[in-house]
N, C-alpha and C. Protein backbone atom coordinates (compact mmCIF):
# COMPACT_ATOMS: atom_id res chain seq x y z
N MET A 1 0.86 -1.17 0.00
CA MET A 1 0.00 0.00 0.00
C MET A 1 0.90 1.23 0.00
N SER A 2 1.13 1.76 -1.14
CA SER A 2 2.01 2.92 -1.25
C SER A 2 1.58 3.75 -2.45
N THR A 3 0.52 4.51 -2.28
CA THR A 3 0.02 5.37 -3.33
C THR A 3 0.81 6.66 -3.32
N ALA A 4 1.21 7.15 -4.51
CA ALA A 4 1.98 8.38 -4.59
C ALA A 4 1.25 9.50 -3.88
N GLY A 5 1.96 10.18 -2.98
CA GLY A 5 1.38 11.29 -2.26
C GLY A 5 0.53 10.90 -1.08
N SER A 6 0.48 9.62 -0.74
CA SER A 6 -0.29 9.18 0.41
C SER A 6 0.61 8.95 1.62
N TYR A 7 0.03 9.17 2.79
CA TYR A 7 0.73 8.95 4.05
C TYR A 7 -0.18 8.11 4.93
N TYR A 8 0.43 7.32 5.79
CA TYR A 8 -0.33 6.34 6.55
C TYR A 8 0.03 6.39 8.03
N VAL A 9 -0.98 6.23 8.85
CA VAL A 9 -0.80 5.95 10.27
C VAL A 9 -1.13 4.48 10.43
N TYR A 10 -0.26 3.77 11.11
CA TYR A 10 -0.47 2.34 11.26
C TYR A 10 -0.32 1.94 12.72
N ILE A 11 -0.99 0.86 13.07
CA ILE A 11 -0.86 0.30 14.40
C ILE A 11 -0.39 -1.14 14.27
N LEU A 12 0.68 -1.44 14.97
CA LEU A 12 1.21 -2.80 15.05
C LEU A 12 0.89 -3.35 16.43
N ALA A 13 0.74 -4.66 16.52
CA ALA A 13 0.51 -5.33 17.80
C ALA A 13 1.36 -6.58 17.88
N SER A 14 1.72 -6.94 19.10
CA SER A 14 2.52 -8.16 19.29
C SER A 14 1.64 -9.41 19.16
N ARG A 15 0.35 -9.26 19.52
CA ARG A 15 -0.62 -10.35 19.46
C ARG A 15 -1.98 -9.74 19.75
N HIS A 16 -3.02 -10.54 19.79
CA HIS A 16 -4.36 -10.08 20.13
C HIS A 16 -4.32 -9.45 21.53
N HIS A 17 -4.70 -8.19 21.62
CA HIS A 17 -4.68 -7.41 22.88
C HIS A 17 -3.27 -7.30 23.47
N GLY A 18 -2.25 -7.42 22.63
CA GLY A 18 -0.88 -7.35 23.11
C GLY A 18 -0.34 -5.93 23.11
N THR A 19 0.96 -5.82 23.11
CA THR A 19 1.63 -4.53 23.09
C THR A 19 1.37 -3.85 21.75
N ILE A 20 1.15 -2.54 21.79
CA ILE A 20 0.78 -1.76 20.60
C ILE A 20 1.86 -0.74 20.28
N TYR A 21 2.08 -0.54 18.98
CA TYR A 21 2.99 0.49 18.49
C TYR A 21 2.26 1.27 17.41
N ILE A 22 2.36 2.60 17.46
CA ILE A 22 1.72 3.47 16.45
C ILE A 22 2.81 4.23 15.71
N GLY A 23 2.72 4.23 14.39
CA GLY A 23 3.72 4.92 13.57
C GLY A 23 3.09 5.60 12.37
N VAL A 24 3.92 6.34 11.64
CA VAL A 24 3.48 7.04 10.43
C VAL A 24 4.53 6.81 9.35
N THR A 25 4.07 6.67 8.10
CA THR A 25 4.99 6.41 6.99
C THR A 25 4.32 6.79 5.68
N ASN A 26 5.12 6.88 4.63
CA ASN A 26 4.55 7.05 3.29
C ASN A 26 4.71 5.77 2.47
N ASP A 27 5.27 4.72 3.08
CA ASP A 27 5.44 3.43 2.41
C ASP A 27 5.31 2.32 3.45
N VAL A 28 4.10 1.81 3.59
CA VAL A 28 3.81 0.83 4.64
C VAL A 28 4.64 -0.44 4.46
N GLY A 29 4.73 -0.94 3.25
CA GLY A 29 5.49 -2.17 3.00
C GLY A 29 6.95 -2.04 3.41
N ALA A 30 7.58 -0.95 3.02
CA ALA A 30 8.98 -0.73 3.37
C ALA A 30 9.15 -0.55 4.87
N ARG A 31 8.22 0.16 5.50
CA ARG A 31 8.31 0.38 6.94
C ARG A 31 8.14 -0.93 7.71
N LEU A 32 7.21 -1.77 7.27
CA LEU A 32 7.04 -3.07 7.91
C LEU A 32 8.30 -3.92 7.78
N GLU A 33 8.91 -3.87 6.62
CA GLU A 33 10.15 -4.62 6.40
C GLU A 33 11.25 -4.14 7.36
N LEU A 34 11.34 -2.83 7.55
CA LEU A 34 12.33 -2.30 8.50
C LEU A 34 12.04 -2.80 9.91
N HIS A 35 10.79 -2.74 10.32
CA HIS A 35 10.44 -3.22 11.66
C HIS A 35 10.76 -4.70 11.81
N ARG A 36 10.35 -5.48 10.86
CA ARG A 36 10.51 -6.94 10.97
C ARG A 36 11.96 -7.39 10.87
N SER A 37 12.80 -6.57 10.26
CA SER A 37 14.22 -6.90 10.17
C SER A 37 15.01 -6.35 11.35
N GLY A 38 14.31 -5.65 12.26
CA GLY A 38 14.97 -5.13 13.45
C GLY A 38 15.59 -3.77 13.27
N ARG A 39 15.33 -3.11 12.14
CA ARG A 39 15.93 -1.81 11.87
C ARG A 39 14.94 -0.65 11.99
N GLY A 40 13.70 -0.93 12.37
CA GLY A 40 12.68 0.12 12.40
C GLY A 40 12.54 0.82 13.73
N SER A 41 12.60 0.07 14.82
CA SER A 41 12.38 0.62 16.15
C SER A 41 12.87 -0.38 17.18
N ARG A 42 13.62 0.09 18.15
CA ARG A 42 14.09 -0.81 19.21
C ARG A 42 12.91 -1.36 20.01
N PHE A 43 11.91 -0.51 20.24
CA PHE A 43 10.72 -0.91 20.99
C PHE A 43 10.00 -2.05 20.28
N VAL A 44 9.80 -1.91 18.97
CA VAL A 44 9.13 -2.94 18.17
C VAL A 44 9.92 -4.25 18.22
N LEU A 45 11.21 -4.16 18.10
CA LEU A 45 12.05 -5.36 18.13
C LEU A 45 12.02 -6.01 19.51
N LYS A 46 12.16 -5.22 20.55
CA LYS A 46 12.20 -5.75 21.93
C LYS A 46 10.93 -6.52 22.28
N TYR A 47 9.77 -5.98 21.88
CA TYR A 47 8.49 -6.60 22.24
C TYR A 47 7.87 -7.41 21.10
N LYS A 48 8.61 -7.58 20.01
CA LYS A 48 8.17 -8.39 18.87
C LYS A 48 6.78 -7.96 18.38
N ILE A 49 6.69 -6.68 18.05
CA ILE A 49 5.42 -6.08 17.62
C ILE A 49 5.42 -6.02 16.10
N PHE A 50 5.00 -7.08 15.45
CA PHE A 50 5.11 -7.17 14.00
C PHE A 50 3.78 -7.31 13.26
N ARG A 51 2.68 -7.44 13.97
CA ARG A 51 1.38 -7.67 13.34
C ARG A 51 0.70 -6.34 13.01
N LEU A 52 0.47 -6.07 11.74
CA LEU A 52 -0.24 -4.85 11.30
C LEU A 52 -1.73 -5.06 11.55
N VAL A 53 -2.31 -4.28 12.48
CA VAL A 53 -3.71 -4.50 12.85
C VAL A 53 -4.63 -3.34 12.47
N HIS A 54 -4.05 -2.18 12.11
CA HIS A 54 -4.87 -1.03 11.73
C HIS A 54 -4.06 -0.10 10.85
N ILE A 55 -4.74 0.52 9.87
CA ILE A 55 -4.07 1.47 8.99
C ILE A 55 -5.07 2.53 8.53
N GLU A 56 -4.60 3.76 8.46
CA GLU A 56 -5.40 4.88 7.97
C GLU A 56 -4.57 5.66 6.95
N GLU A 57 -5.22 6.12 5.89
CA GLU A 57 -4.54 6.84 4.82
C GLU A 57 -4.86 8.33 4.89
N PHE A 58 -3.86 9.16 4.60
CA PHE A 58 -4.01 10.62 4.61
C PHE A 58 -3.34 11.22 3.37
N ALA A 59 -3.82 12.39 2.98
CA ALA A 59 -3.29 13.06 1.79
C ALA A 59 -2.00 13.82 2.06
N SER A 60 -1.77 14.22 3.30
CA SER A 60 -0.57 15.01 3.59
C SER A 60 0.15 14.46 4.82
N PRO A 61 1.46 14.71 4.89
CA PRO A 61 2.20 14.25 6.06
C PRO A 61 1.73 14.95 7.34
N GLN A 62 1.30 16.19 7.22
CA GLN A 62 0.84 16.93 8.39
C GLN A 62 -0.40 16.27 9.00
N GLU A 63 -1.33 15.85 8.14
CA GLU A 63 -2.54 15.17 8.63
C GLU A 63 -2.19 13.85 9.31
N ALA A 64 -1.30 13.10 8.69
CA ALA A 64 -0.90 11.80 9.24
C ALA A 64 -0.19 11.97 10.58
N ILE A 65 0.70 12.92 10.67
CA ILE A 65 1.44 13.16 11.91
C ILE A 65 0.49 13.62 13.02
N ALA A 66 -0.46 14.49 12.67
CA ALA A 66 -1.44 14.95 13.66
C ALA A 66 -2.27 13.78 14.18
N ARG A 67 -2.68 12.88 13.30
CA ARG A 67 -3.46 11.71 13.71
C ARG A 67 -2.62 10.77 14.57
N GLU A 68 -1.37 10.57 14.18
CA GLU A 68 -0.47 9.72 14.97
C GLU A 68 -0.35 10.26 16.40
N LYS A 69 -0.14 11.56 16.52
CA LYS A 69 -0.01 12.17 17.85
C LYS A 69 -1.31 12.02 18.63
N GLN A 70 -2.44 12.20 17.95
CA GLN A 70 -3.74 12.05 18.61
C GLN A 70 -3.89 10.64 19.17
N LEU A 71 -3.60 9.64 18.34
CA LEU A 71 -3.76 8.25 18.76
C LEU A 71 -2.80 7.89 19.91
N LYS A 72 -1.61 8.45 19.88
CA LYS A 72 -0.64 8.14 20.94
C LYS A 72 -1.10 8.66 22.29
N PHE A 73 -1.95 9.68 22.30
CA PHE A 73 -2.46 10.22 23.55
C PHE A 73 -3.77 9.57 24.00
N TRP A 74 -4.35 8.74 23.15
CA TRP A 74 -5.59 8.05 23.49
C TRP A 74 -5.33 7.02 24.60
N LYS A 75 -6.38 6.73 25.35
CA LYS A 75 -6.32 5.64 26.32
C LYS A 75 -6.24 4.31 25.57
N ARG A 76 -5.64 3.33 26.20
CA ARG A 76 -5.49 2.02 25.56
C ARG A 76 -6.84 1.44 25.13
N ASP A 77 -7.86 1.58 25.96
CA ASP A 77 -9.18 1.06 25.62
C ASP A 77 -9.71 1.66 24.32
N TRP A 78 -9.46 2.93 24.11
CA TRP A 78 -9.92 3.59 22.88
C TRP A 78 -9.20 3.02 21.67
N LYS A 79 -7.90 2.76 21.82
CA LYS A 79 -7.11 2.18 20.72
C LYS A 79 -7.63 0.79 20.38
N ILE A 80 -7.93 0.01 21.41
CA ILE A 80 -8.46 -1.34 21.19
C ILE A 80 -9.79 -1.27 20.45
N LYS A 81 -10.66 -0.36 20.85
CA LYS A 81 -11.95 -0.21 20.17
C LYS A 81 -11.76 0.20 18.72
N LEU A 82 -10.80 1.07 18.46
CA LEU A 82 -10.50 1.49 17.08
C LEU A 82 -10.07 0.29 16.24
N ILE A 83 -9.16 -0.50 16.76
CA ILE A 83 -8.68 -1.69 16.04
C ILE A 83 -9.83 -2.66 15.79
N GLU A 84 -10.59 -2.94 16.84
CA GLU A 84 -11.63 -3.96 16.75
C GLU A 84 -12.85 -3.53 15.95
N ALA A 85 -13.00 -2.24 15.68
CA ALA A 85 -14.11 -1.77 14.85
C ALA A 85 -14.01 -2.35 13.44
N GLU A 86 -12.80 -2.51 12.93
CA GLU A 86 -12.62 -3.05 11.58
C GLU A 86 -11.84 -4.36 11.55
N ASN A 87 -11.21 -4.72 12.65
CA ASN A 87 -10.39 -5.92 12.69
C ASN A 87 -10.58 -6.61 14.05
N PRO A 88 -11.77 -7.15 14.31
CA PRO A 88 -12.09 -7.69 15.63
C PRO A 88 -11.19 -8.85 16.08
N ASP A 89 -10.61 -9.57 15.15
CA ASP A 89 -9.74 -10.70 15.50
C ASP A 89 -8.26 -10.34 15.51
N TRP A 90 -7.97 -9.06 15.28
CA TRP A 90 -6.58 -8.57 15.26
C TRP A 90 -5.74 -9.35 14.25
N ASN A 91 -6.33 -9.65 13.09
CA ASN A 91 -5.59 -10.32 12.03
C ASN A 91 -4.49 -9.42 11.50
N ASP A 92 -3.43 -10.06 11.00
CA ASP A 92 -2.33 -9.32 10.38
C ASP A 92 -2.79 -8.85 9.00
N LEU A 93 -2.86 -7.55 8.81
CA LEU A 93 -3.33 -6.96 7.56
C LEU A 93 -2.22 -6.75 6.54
N SER A 94 -1.00 -7.13 6.87
CA SER A 94 0.13 -6.84 5.97
C SER A 94 0.00 -7.56 4.63
N GLY A 95 -0.74 -8.64 4.58
CA GLY A 95 -0.96 -9.34 3.32
C GLY A 95 -1.84 -8.56 2.36
N LEU A 96 -2.51 -7.53 2.84
CA LEU A 96 -3.40 -6.72 2.01
C LEU A 96 -2.70 -5.52 1.39
N ILE A 97 -1.45 -5.29 1.77
CA ILE A 97 -0.75 -4.11 1.25
C ILE A 97 0.11 -4.44 0.04
């Protein structure tokens, strides 16, 4: 999922209701590869947070960054509800990108 001029906020999880990581990128596939190879984030590597469970697309980096910051300040319960609204089983969505 890498449309020219698109930016994405994504949520990774270690497992169903596990540890959550929120990030922003303009190339989801490349960013996932960095995370999974251990070069994306020490936090992601330490807690093995590799499952893509939520993604949102934005037209500008400013919108995506603002949303990322908003989600990072949300309570955990709100994040879980957001994920489960479209992905109740916390399936890995990386196969769809």
